[in-house]
Amino acid sequence: MPTPPNTEAADGLDITALDAVTDAVESGAGLPEIVRAAARALGASLVLADRAGTTLAVAARSTADERALAAGASGVEVVELRVADEPVGTLRMRVRGTPDPMLPAVIRLVTGLIAGEVERLRAPERASQEEAGRFLRDVLDRNVTDREEIVERAAALGFDAEAGASLLVARAHPRVTTEDGWRARVLAVAERGARAVAPTAVAALNDLREGPGAEIVILLPSVDEDTSVRAAAAVLRELEASLAGFAFAVGRSRLAEDPTDLHRAGNEALLAANVAEGGDEPVLSFEETGAYRLLLSAMSEDPAELQRFYAETVEPLVAYDEQYETDLVQTVEAFLEADGNVAGTAQRLFTHRHTIRYRLERVRDLSGLDVGSTDGREKLSLGLKAMRVLGISHRGGPASEAGSVGGRVPRRS
């Protein structure tokens, strides 16, 4: 027998039902009851979601009606909910019947009440997220090094750090225009992926990281290698399934058997994420970073020296690519991968050999390093590794320069 439709809302505006909305708010009846009352008042079907896109309440006549709202079908309006100019969620609405002249004013009143309730209910969750962020930053920055304090603060977040832990760093870079609150959605999706494998995982947004992307730090409990691998894969899978138009990279540390070694694990995960961003594999463990591992201690002990080495080798190429939209850095990478073979480099980049030779001459002019010499290639190779270890992003090309065919050079995803 078919399930009867949800007839929570009649057609048309019902001003008298506004009292039910305010009564539901004042009595603390919860978001589902508030949204049902709002649907009756507005004569509409409603779907309420938080700013991470998670559905909080539905008032629709049927499952098909709910799916139409979620899909943004004809007649569906998306109202952004804000409190003090901060987005807290969205309300998808489809009004039934003939719109009433008073409808816009009633919508403002109702959405204001709902936004306030969403913000009130978010307060404990936000405080928990903020505490998780503070804890992870303090551990990674070595502001807290006492074992007992680390274990105690982790326990307050529901995480057992007594036997150690490992870390994941997940990065998301938008390739298309994004809506407000997208970083919170990245956090929610990444945390969901990690907790599908490790239910007590703790995740936080690294809001101190500069740049257009989002960086999520995830603390995993002391688990075996296979579980850690599956957690990293689950995070990437959830991100790719839930966020279209983004590029992702996930770095994974080794297990820190002692909680006081979490700082080291954090550096390992950061390094792996940095290397993954510049490579072909979106998920990378610290053990898979190869020669990059040799530079990790330099980054930890004397980052200024590593920065100076980068400045003396690759930075002029990065600056030139940024200014003129060329691809000198990518060309050097491809040249080194092709063992210094110009024809092999041209084949990798789908361009002419003359273009490659021209770019390599520009590399020599800008950096003072000749790729034809062993010393020049070694310094450029280490300079590129220093760039990855330092987490410096590079945006070049498409190139338009003398000798290029059509002026377009394919870039890596």
Foldseek 3Di string as FASTA:
>chain_A
DDDFWQPLAAAAADQVLVVQLVVCLVVVVADQSNVSSLCNRQQKWKWKAFLLRHTRYTRGGHPVRVVCQVVVHPQWDKAFADDPNATTTIMIIHHGDDYDPCNVVSVVVSSPSSSVVSVVVCVVVVVLQVLLLVLVVCLQVVVDQDQVVNQVSLVVSVAGCAQFWAKKKKKKAAQDDDDPSNLVNLQVQLLVLLCVLAVSKRKYWNPVDDDRMTMMMIIGHDDDPVSQVSSQVSSVVSCPVPDPRIDMAMEIFDTDRGHSCHNVNVLLNLLRRLVCVVDDHRYGYSVRPPPLVVCSVVCVPPVVVLVVLLVLAPVLVLVCQVVQQDPLLVLLVLCVVVVNDLVSSCVVFVWDSVVSVVSQVVNCVRNVAHCVDPVSNVSNVSSVSSCSSVSPDGGGHPAADPRTDVSGTDDDD
